[in-house]
Amino acid sequence: MTSLTSVWLIVVLAVIAANLPFFNERCFAVFALRRFSFIKPFWLRLLELIVLYFVIGATGAFFESSSGNRFPQGWEFFAITAFLFLVLAFPGFVFRYLRRRRD
């Protein structure tokens, strides 16, 4: 896999993973939660978003190390990527909480 392909794969995976908690009622799109009466609370969606951020980050680190040298990252890198992940999650947030529902 070329580095350009791995970069685009990470971007596509990040967009999907950032919006995944908002587009379904299952935990990580796999586990059904009957405890919360079929509606996931916001704190669980936020926890899912944090876990998926680390999963995508680990996938990116794997692709980076497999293509060559893995560069050291400081706190600035993680702050920027965390906020970028939140920006990528904005369409799902709008779909779930800000969209006007017509009954």
Protein backbone atom coordinates (compact mmCIF):
# COMPACT_ATOMS: atom_id res chain seq x y z
CA MET A 1 0.00 0.00 0.00
CA THR A 2 1.40 3.37 -0.94
CA SER A 3 1.53 6.21 1.52
CA LEU A 4 -1.05 8.21 -0.41
CA THR A 5 -3.48 5.29 -0.26
CA SER A 6 -2.94 4.82 3.47
CA VAL A 7 -3.49 8.54 4.13
CA TRP A 8 -6.80 8.54 2.26
CA LEU A 9 -7.84 5.32 3.94
CA ILE A 10 -7.23 6.89 7.36
CA VAL A 11 -9.20 10.01 6.39
CA VAL A 12 -12.17 7.93 5.19
CA LEU A 13 -12.05 5.72 8.29
CA ALA A 14 -11.89 8.82 10.51
CA VAL A 15 -14.98 10.34 8.88
CA ILE A 16 -16.92 7.10 9.27
CA ALA A 17 -15.73 6.52 12.86
CA ALA A 18 -16.45 10.10 13.93
CA ASN A 19 -20.06 9.90 12.75
CA LEU A 20 -20.72 6.30 13.80
CA PRO A 21 -21.88 7.06 17.39
CA PHE A 22 -24.53 9.48 16.14
CA PHE A 23 -26.08 7.40 13.36
CA ASN A 24 -27.07 4.32 15.36
CA GLU A 25 -28.34 3.30 18.76
CA ARG A 26 -25.97 0.38 19.23
CA CYS A 27 -22.71 0.68 21.12
CA PHE A 28 -19.89 0.71 18.55
CA ALA A 29 -22.55 -0.33 15.98
CA VAL A 30 -22.34 -3.89 17.33
CA PHE A 31 -23.76 -4.25 20.85
CA ALA A 32 -27.43 -3.64 21.55
CA LEU A 33 -28.09 -1.74 24.77
CA ARG A 34 -31.39 -2.57 26.43
CA ARG A 35 -30.48 -0.82 29.66
CA PHE A 36 -31.05 2.66 28.22
CA SER A 37 -34.46 1.89 26.66
CA PHE A 38 -33.19 1.95 23.07
CA ILE A 39 -31.85 5.52 23.20
CA LYS A 40 -28.17 6.01 23.84
CA PRO A 41 -27.37 8.86 26.22
CA PHE A 42 -25.03 11.62 25.12
CA TRP A 43 -22.26 10.61 27.55
CA LEU A 44 -22.13 7.15 25.97
CA ARG A 45 -21.90 8.66 22.49
CA LEU A 46 -19.05 10.86 23.72
CA LEU A 47 -17.27 7.88 25.27
CA GLU A 48 -17.64 6.00 21.98
CA LEU A 49 -16.19 8.99 20.14
CA ILE A 50 -13.14 9.05 22.42
CA VAL A 51 -12.52 5.32 22.04
CA LEU A 52 -12.90 5.52 18.27
CA TYR A 53 -10.43 8.44 18.19
CA PHE A 54 -7.80 6.23 19.82
CA VAL A 55 -8.62 3.31 17.51
CA ILE A 56 -8.17 5.50 14.42
CA GLY A 57 -4.99 6.96 15.91
CA ALA A 58 -3.58 3.48 16.49
CA THR A 59 -4.49 2.52 12.93
CA GLY A 60 -2.73 5.61 11.63
CA ALA A 61 0.35 4.86 13.74
CA PHE A 62 0.36 1.31 12.36
CA PHE A 63 0.21 2.55 8.77
CA GLU A 64 2.93 5.10 9.47
CA SER A 65 5.26 2.54 11.03
CA SER A 66 4.63 0.00 8.27
CA SER A 67 5.51 2.51 5.54
CA GLY A 68 8.77 3.64 7.13
CA ASN A 69 9.86 5.56 10.19
CA ARG A 70 7.32 6.51 12.81
CA PHE A 71 7.88 10.12 13.80
CA PRO A 72 7.57 11.22 17.44
CA GLN A 73 4.47 13.29 18.19
CA GLY A 74 4.06 15.95 20.86
CA TRP A 75 0.94 17.08 22.67
CA GLU A 76 0.22 19.59 19.89
CA PHE A 77 -0.32 16.79 17.39
CA PHE A 78 -2.81 15.02 19.64
CA ALA A 79 -4.68 18.23 20.44
CA ILE A 80 -5.04 19.10 16.76
CA THR A 81 -6.12 15.61 15.73
CA ALA A 82 -8.64 15.41 18.58
CA PHE A 83 -10.26 18.67 17.50
CA LEU A 84 -10.14 17.58 13.86
CA PHE A 85 -11.94 14.37 14.87
CA LEU A 86 -14.59 16.48 16.62
CA VAL A 87 -15.00 18.60 13.49
CA LEU A 88 -15.44 15.43 11.44
CA ALA A 89 -18.16 14.34 13.91
CA PHE A 90 -20.16 17.54 13.39
CA PRO A 91 -22.46 16.21 10.62
CA GLY A 92 -23.50 13.29 12.83
CA PHE A 93 -24.10 15.62 15.78
CA VAL A 94 -26.28 17.87 13.64
CA PHE A 95 -28.19 14.87 12.33
CA ARG A 96 -28.83 13.54 15.84
CA TYR A 97 -29.44 16.68 17.92
CA LEU A 98 -29.96 19.81 15.80
CA ARG A 99 -32.08 18.57 12.91
CA ARG A 100 -35.72 19.61 13.00
CA ARG A 101 -37.92 16.54 13.14
CA ARG A 102 -41.19 16.58 11.27
CA ASP A 103 -43.85 14.46 12.92
